[in-house]
Amino acid sequence: MMQNLDQLTTPELKRYLSEHRNDEEAFRAALQIIMSRQDPNAPRQPYPFDLDDPEREVEAILREKLKQVE
């Protein structure tokens, strides 16, 4: 029996994903809810394999993030 996943908090959903990682239907349902909660305006980082020079570009992204933290 699947819980009402829409009413779970994100940490509860993550725990649910961990507990149901071998149940494809339950895992997919919970993952879709988590993904639907993402802020569409949040900055997105490119997937490294889509970059021309992944090593250099990922390093530049990480350096920029470190500057923001300092």
PDB file of N, CA and C in Angstrom:
ATOM      1  N   MET A   1       0.854  -1.183   0.000  1.00  0.00           N
ATOM      2  CA  MET A   1       0.000   0.000   0.000  1.00  0.00           C
ATOM      3  C   MET A   1       0.897   1.242   0.000  1.00  0.00           C
ATOM      4  N   MET A   2       0.662   2.148  -0.955  1.00  0.00           N
ATOM      5  CA  MET A   2       1.483   3.348  -1.086  1.00  0.00           C
ATOM      6  C   MET A   2       0.885   4.482  -0.243  1.00  0.00           C
ATOM      7  N   GLN A   3       1.745   5.174   0.472  1.00  0.00           N
ATOM      8  CA  GLN A   3       1.319   6.313   1.286  1.00  0.00           C
ATOM      9  C   GLN A   3       0.873   7.450   0.377  1.00  0.00           C
ATOM     10  N   ASN A   4       0.223   8.463   0.982  1.00  0.00           N
ATOM     11  CA  ASN A   4      -0.099   9.665   0.223  1.00  0.00           C
ATOM     12  C   ASN A   4       1.177  10.489   0.155  1.00  0.00           C
ATOM     13  N   LEU A   5       1.944  10.278  -0.886  1.00  0.00           N
ATOM     14  CA  LEU A   5       3.273  10.870  -0.998  1.00  0.00           C
ATOM     15  C   LEU A   5       3.240  12.388  -1.084  1.00  0.00           C
ATOM     16  N   ASP A   6       2.160  12.949  -1.607  1.00  0.00           N
ATOM     17  CA  ASP A   6       2.069  14.406  -1.734  1.00  0.00           C
ATOM     18  C   ASP A   6       2.121  15.109  -0.381  1.00  0.00           C
ATOM     19  N   GLN A   7       1.751  14.421   0.662  1.00  0.00           N
ATOM     20  CA  GLN A   7       1.695  15.046   1.982  1.00  0.00           C
ATOM     21  C   GLN A   7       2.999  14.891   2.758  1.00  0.00           C
ATOM     22  N   LEU A   8       3.953  14.130   2.228  1.00  0.00           N
ATOM     23  CA  LEU A   8       5.238  13.962   2.909  1.00  0.00           C
ATOM     24  C   LEU A   8       6.134  15.164   2.649  1.00  0.00           C
ATOM     25  N   THR A   9       6.966  15.493   3.631  1.00  0.00           N
ATOM     26  CA  THR A   9       7.964  16.539   3.437  1.00  0.00           C
ATOM     27  C   THR A   9       9.074  15.991   2.555  1.00  0.00           C
ATOM     28  N   THR A  10       9.915  16.866   2.055  1.00  0.00           N
ATOM     29  CA  THR A  10      11.015  16.416   1.204  1.00  0.00           C
ATOM     30  C   THR A  10      11.955  15.465   1.945  1.00  0.00           C
ATOM     31  N   PRO A  11      12.349  15.751   3.194  1.00  0.00           N
ATOM     32  CA  PRO A  11      13.188  14.765   3.897  1.00  0.00           C
ATOM     33  C   PRO A  11      12.478  13.411   4.067  1.00  0.00           C
ATOM     34  N   GLU A  12      11.174  13.442   4.317  1.00  0.00           N
ATOM     35  CA  GLU A  12      10.426  12.193   4.440  1.00  0.00           C
ATOM     36  C   GLU A  12      10.395  11.448   3.104  1.00  0.00           C
ATOM     37  N   LEU A  13      10.271  12.189   2.011  1.00  0.00           N
ATOM     38  CA  LEU A  13      10.284  11.563   0.688  1.00  0.00           C
ATOM     39  C   LEU A  13      11.642  10.939   0.389  1.00  0.00           C
ATOM     40  N   LYS A  14      12.714  11.610   0.790  1.00  0.00           N
ATOM     41  CA  LYS A  14      14.049  11.064   0.570  1.00  0.00           C
ATOM     42  C   LYS A  14      14.225   9.770   1.355  1.00  0.00           C
ATOM     43  N   ARG A  15      13.716   9.744   2.571  1.00  0.00           N
ATOM     44  CA  ARG A  15      13.782   8.526   3.371  1.00  0.00           C
ATOM     45  C   ARG A  15      12.948   7.429   2.706  1.00  0.00           C
ATOM     46  N   TYR A  16      11.776   7.803   2.193  1.00  0.00           N
ATOM     47  CA  TYR A  16      10.906   6.859   1.486  1.00  0.00           C
ATOM     48  C   TYR A  16      11.628   6.283   0.269  1.00  0.00           C
ATOM     49  N   LEU A  17      12.333   7.149  -0.475  1.00  0.00           N
ATOM     50  CA  LEU A  17      13.101   6.672  -1.629  1.00  0.00           C
ATOM     51  C   LEU A  17      14.139   5.643  -1.200  1.00  0.00           C
ATOM     52  N   SER A  18      14.822   5.931  -0.119  1.00  0.00           N
ATOM     53  CA  SER A  18      15.847   5.020   0.375  1.00  0.00           C
ATOM     54  C   SER A  18      15.242   3.673   0.784  1.00  0.00           C
ATOM     55  N   GLU A  19      14.109   3.734   1.441  1.00  0.00           N
ATOM     56  CA  GLU A  19      13.471   2.512   1.926  1.00  0.00           C
ATOM     57  C   GLU A  19      12.837   1.697   0.798  1.00  0.00           C
ATOM     58  N   HIS A  20      12.466   2.353  -0.301  1.00  0.00           N
ATOM     59  CA  HIS A  20      11.764   1.674  -1.401  1.00  0.00           C
ATOM     60  C   HIS A  20      12.586   1.676  -2.690  1.00  0.00           C
ATOM     61  N   ARG A  21      13.892   1.667  -2.575  1.00  0.00           N
ATOM     62  CA  ARG A  21      14.746   1.749  -3.762  1.00  0.00           C
ATOM     63  C   ARG A  21      14.605   0.562  -4.697  1.00  0.00           C
ATOM     64  N   ASN A  22      14.104  -0.558  -4.201  1.00  0.00           N
ATOM     65  CA  ASN A  22      13.934  -1.740  -5.048  1.00  0.00           C
ATOM     66  C   ASN A  22      12.513  -1.890  -5.590  1.00  0.00           C
ATOM     67  N   ASP A  23      11.622  -0.994  -5.203  1.00  0.00           N
ATOM     68  CA  ASP A  23      10.242  -1.008  -5.688  1.00  0.00           C
ATOM     69  C   ASP A  23      10.125   0.091  -6.741  1.00  0.00           C
ATOM     70  N   GLU A  24      10.238  -0.298  -8.002  1.00  0.00           N
ATOM     71  CA  GLU A  24      10.318   0.696  -9.073  1.00  0.00           C
ATOM     72  C   GLU A  24       9.127   1.647  -9.104  1.00  0.00           C
ATOM     73  N   GLU A  25       7.927   1.140  -8.924  1.00  0.00           N
ATOM     74  CA  GLU A  25       6.730   1.991  -8.977  1.00  0.00           C
ATOM     75  C   GLU A  25       6.720   3.014  -7.843  1.00  0.00           C
ATOM     76  N   ALA A  26       6.995   2.567  -6.627  1.00  0.00           N
ATOM     77  CA  ALA A  26       7.006   3.465  -5.470  1.00  0.00           C
ATOM     78  C   ALA A  26       8.133   4.486  -5.596  1.00  0.00           C
ATOM     79  N   PHE A  27       9.302   4.031  -6.017  1.00  0.00           N
ATOM     80  CA  PHE A  27      10.453   4.920  -6.164  1.00  0.00           C
ATOM     81  C   PHE A  27      10.159   5.996  -7.198  1.00  0.00           C
ATOM     82  N   ARG A  28       9.620   5.582  -8.343  1.00  0.00           N
ATOM     83  CA  ARG A  28       9.324   6.539  -9.411  1.00  0.00           C
ATOM     84  C   ARG A  28       8.301   7.582  -8.964  1.00  0.00           C
ATOM     85  N   ALA A  29       7.268   7.146  -8.254  1.00  0.00           N
ATOM     86  CA  ALA A  29       6.229   8.072  -7.789  1.00  0.00           C
ATOM     87  C   ALA A  29       6.809   9.118  -6.841  1.00  0.00           C
ATOM     88  N   ALA A  30       7.632   8.671  -5.893  1.00  0.00           N
ATOM     89  CA  ALA A  30       8.225   9.604  -4.933  1.00  0.00           C
ATOM     90  C   ALA A  30       9.207  10.538  -5.619  1.00  0.00           C
ATOM     91  N   LEU A  31       9.995  10.010  -6.544  1.00  0.00           N
ATOM     92  CA  LEU A  31      10.963  10.838  -7.255  1.00  0.00           C
ATOM     93  C   LEU A  31      10.272  11.916  -8.087  1.00  0.00           C
ATOM     94  N   GLN A  32       9.164  11.582  -8.705  1.00  0.00           N
ATOM     95  CA  GLN A  32       8.417  12.573  -9.491  1.00  0.00           C
ATOM     96  C   GLN A  32       7.921  13.708  -8.608  1.00  0.00           C
ATOM     97  N   ILE A  33       7.501  13.394  -7.404  1.00  0.00           N
ATOM     98  CA  ILE A  33       7.033  14.443  -6.489  1.00  0.00           C
ATOM     99  C   ILE A  33       8.189  15.339  -6.076  1.00  0.00           C
ATOM    100  N   ILE A  34       9.323  14.748  -5.743  1.00  0.00           N
ATOM    101  CA  ILE A  34      10.494  15.558  -5.362  1.00  0.00           C
ATOM    102  C   ILE A  34      10.899  16.466  -6.523  1.00  0.00           C
ATOM    103  N   MET A  35      10.940  15.907  -7.710  1.00  0.00           N
ATOM    104  CA  MET A  35      11.345  16.703  -8.877  1.00  0.00           C
ATOM    105  C   MET A  35      10.343  17.816  -9.172  1.00  0.00           C
ATOM    106  N   SER A  36       9.073  17.590  -8.919  1.00  0.00           N
ATOM    107  CA  SER A  36       8.062  18.618  -9.179  1.00  0.00           C
ATOM    108  C   SER A  36       8.172  19.780  -8.195  1.00  0.00           C
ATOM    109  N   ARG A  37       8.833  19.555  -7.067  1.00  0.00           N
ATOM    110  CA  ARG A  37       8.990  20.606  -6.055  1.00  0.00           C
ATOM    111  C   ARG A  37      10.186  21.517  -6.322  1.00  0.00           C
ATOM    112  N   GLN A  38      10.978  21.217  -7.321  1.00  0.00           N
ATOM    113  CA  GLN A  38      12.146  22.037  -7.616  1.00  0.00           C
ATOM    114  C   GLN A  38      11.720  23.425  -8.078  1.00  0.00           C
ATOM    115  N   ASP A  39      12.476  24.408  -7.680  1.00  0.00           N
ATOM    116  CA  ASP A  39      12.231  25.785  -8.090  1.00  0.00           C
ATOM    117  C   ASP A  39      12.650  25.936  -9.557  1.00  0.00           C
ATOM    118  N   PRO A  40      11.708  26.278 -10.440  1.00  0.00           N
ATOM    119  CA  PRO A  40      12.058  26.406 -11.857  1.00  0.00           C
ATOM    120  C   PRO A  40      13.019  27.563 -12.125  1.00  0.00           C
ATOM    121  N   ASN A  41      13.137  28.496 -11.188  1.00  0.00           N
ATOM    122  CA  ASN A  41      14.026  29.642 -11.374  1.00  0.00           C
ATOM    123  C   ASN A  41      15.402  29.427 -10.748  1.00  0.00           C
ATOM    124  N   ALA A  42      15.605  28.278 -10.134  1.00  0.00           N
ATOM    125  CA  ALA A  42      16.900  27.994  -9.512  1.00  0.00           C
ATOM    126  C   ALA A  42      17.958  27.836 -10.602  1.00  0.00           C
ATOM    127  N   PRO A  43      19.164  28.343 -10.340  1.00  0.00           N
ATOM    128  CA  PRO A  43      20.219  28.182 -11.341  1.00  0.00           C
ATOM    129  C   PRO A  43      20.548  26.713 -11.529  1.00  0.00           C
ATOM    130  N   ARG A  44      20.733  26.325 -12.757  1.00  0.00           N
ATOM    131  CA  ARG A  44      21.030  24.931 -13.076  1.00  0.00           C
ATOM    132  C   ARG A  44      22.471  24.816 -13.526  1.00  0.00           C
ATOM    133  N   GLN A  45      23.115  23.778 -13.064  1.00  0.00           N
ATOM    134  CA  GLN A  45      24.484  23.517 -13.478  1.00  0.00           C
ATOM    135  C   GLN A  45      24.450  22.510 -14.630  1.00  0.00           C
ATOM    136  N   PRO A  46      25.293  22.710 -15.617  1.00  0.00           N
ATOM    137  CA  PRO A  46      25.295  21.783 -16.758  1.00  0.00           C
ATOM    138  C   PRO A  46      25.842  20.422 -16.363  1.00  0.00           C
ATOM    139  N   TYR A  47      25.382  19.415 -17.041  1.00  0.00           N
ATOM    140  CA  TYR A  47      25.889  18.064 -16.845  1.00  0.00           C
ATOM    141  C   TYR A  47      27.277  18.008 -17.458  1.00  0.00           C
ATOM    142  N   PRO A  48      28.288  17.545 -16.738  1.00  0.00           N
ATOM    143  CA  PRO A  48      29.677  17.622 -17.238  1.00  0.00           C
ATOM    144  C   PRO A  48      29.895  17.028 -18.626  1.00  0.00           C
ATOM    145  N   PHE A  49      29.190  15.956 -18.970  1.00  0.00           N
ATOM    146  CA  PHE A  49      29.422  15.348 -20.273  1.00  0.00           C
ATOM    147  C   PHE A  49      28.892  16.200 -21.421  1.00  0.00           C
ATOM    148  N   ASP A  50      28.070  17.212 -21.112  1.00  0.00           N
ATOM    149  CA  ASP A  50      27.551  18.101 -22.140  1.00  0.00           C
ATOM    150  C   ASP A  50      28.489  19.281 -22.396  1.00  0.00           C
ATOM    151  N   LEU A  51      29.553  19.384 -21.625  1.00  0.00           N
ATOM    152  CA  LEU A  51      30.479  20.502 -21.748  1.00  0.00           C
ATOM    153  C   LEU A  51      31.569  20.180 -22.766  1.00  0.00           C
ATOM    154  N   ASP A  52      32.105  21.218 -23.398  1.00  0.00           N
ATOM    155  CA  ASP A  52      33.188  21.022 -24.364  1.00  0.00           C
ATOM    156  C   ASP A  52      34.467  20.544 -23.683  1.00  0.00           C
ATOM    157  N   ASP A  53      34.811  21.189 -22.562  1.00  0.00           N
ATOM    158  CA  ASP A  53      36.006  20.819 -21.801  1.00  0.00           C
ATOM    159  C   ASP A  53      35.571  20.619 -20.341  1.00  0.00           C
ATOM    160  N   PRO A  54      35.024  19.442 -20.017  1.00  0.00           N
ATOM    161  CA  PRO A  54      34.431  19.237 -18.692  1.00  0.00           C
ATOM    162  C   PRO A  54      35.356  19.551 -17.524  1.00  0.00           C
ATOM    163  N   GLU A  55      36.600  19.127 -17.604  1.00  0.00           N
ATOM    164  CA  GLU A  55      37.509  19.330 -16.471  1.00  0.00           C
ATOM    165  C   GLU A  55      37.701  20.818 -16.181  1.00  0.00           C
ATOM    166  N   ARG A  56      37.979  21.602 -17.206  1.00  0.00           N
ATOM    167  CA  ARG A  56      38.214  23.030 -17.019  1.00  0.00           C
ATOM    168  C   ARG A  56      36.927  23.749 -16.606  1.00  0.00           C
ATOM    169  N   GLU A  57      35.819  23.417 -17.249  1.00  0.00           N
ATOM    170  CA  GLU A  57      34.570  24.124 -16.972  1.00  0.00           C
ATOM    171  C   GLU A  57      34.006  23.786 -15.594  1.00  0.00           C
ATOM    172  N   VAL A  58      34.109  22.531 -15.177  1.00  0.00           N
ATOM    173  CA  VAL A  58      33.642  22.161 -13.837  1.00  0.00           C
ATOM    174  C   VAL A  58      34.524  22.828 -12.786  1.00  0.00           C
ATOM    175  N   GLU A  59      35.817  22.877 -13.028  1.00  0.00           N
ATOM    176  CA  GLU A  59      36.715  23.561 -12.102  1.00  0.00           C
ATOM    177  C   GLU A  59      36.333  25.033 -11.975  1.00  0.00           C
ATOM    178  N   ALA A  60      36.005  25.682 -13.081  1.00  0.00           N
ATOM    179  CA  ALA A  60      35.608  27.093 -13.053  1.00  0.00           C
ATOM    180  C   ALA A  60      34.307  27.270 -12.258  1.00  0.00           C
ATOM    181  N   ILE A  61      33.374  26.362 -12.433  1.00  0.00           N
ATOM    182  CA  ILE A  61      32.107  26.424 -11.688  1.00  0.00           C
ATOM    183  C   ILE A  61      32.377  26.287 -10.197  1.00  0.00           C
ATOM    184  N   LEU A  62      33.228  25.324  -9.831  1.00  0.00           N
ATOM    185  CA  LEU A  62      33.533  25.117  -8.414  1.00  0.00           C
ATOM    186  C   LEU A  62      34.273  26.309  -7.812  1.00  0.00           C
ATOM    187  N   ARG A  63      35.192  26.889  -8.557  1.00  0.00           N
ATOM    188  CA  ARG A  63      35.902  28.083  -8.068  1.00  0.00           C
ATOM    189  C   ARG A  63      34.927  29.231  -7.826  1.00  0.00           C
ATOM    190  N   GLU A  64      33.980  29.412  -8.724  1.00  0.00           N
ATOM    191  CA  GLU A  64      32.978  30.470  -8.569  1.00  0.00           C
ATOM    192  C   GLU A  64      32.127  30.227  -7.323  1.00  0.00           C
ATOM    193  N   LYS A  65      31.726  28.994  -7.106  1.00  0.00           N
ATOM    194  CA  LYS A  65      30.947  28.652  -5.914  1.00  0.00           C
ATOM    195  C   LYS A  65      31.745  28.932  -4.636  1.00  0.00           C
ATOM    196  N   LEU A  66      33.037  28.596  -4.650  1.00  0.00           N
ATOM    197  CA  LEU A  66      33.879  28.849  -3.485  1.00  0.00           C
ATOM    198  C   LEU A  66      34.018  30.337  -3.212  1.00  0.00           C
ATOM    199  N   LYS A  67      34.113  31.148  -4.260  1.00  0.00           N
ATOM    200  CA  LYS A  67      34.180  32.601  -4.081  1.00  0.00           C
ATOM    201  C   LYS A  67      32.917  33.127  -3.417  1.00  0.00           C
ATOM    202  N   GLN A  68      31.767  32.567  -3.790  1.00  0.00           N
ATOM    203  CA  GLN A  68      30.493  33.015  -3.212  1.00  0.00           C
ATOM    204  C   GLN A  68      30.420  32.692  -1.727  1.00  0.00           C
ATOM    205  N   VAL A  69      31.023  31.585  -1.316  1.00  0.00           N
ATOM    206  CA  VAL A  69      30.984  31.156   0.069  1.00  0.00           C
ATOM    207  C   VAL A  69      31.921  32.002   0.927  1.00  0.00           C
ATOM    208  N   GLU A  70      33.041  32.411   0.377  1.00  0.00           N
ATOM    209  CA  GLU A  70      34.042  33.166   1.143  1.00  0.00           C
ATOM    210  C   GLU A  70      33.599  34.551   1.486  1.00  0.00           C
TER     211      GLU A  70
END
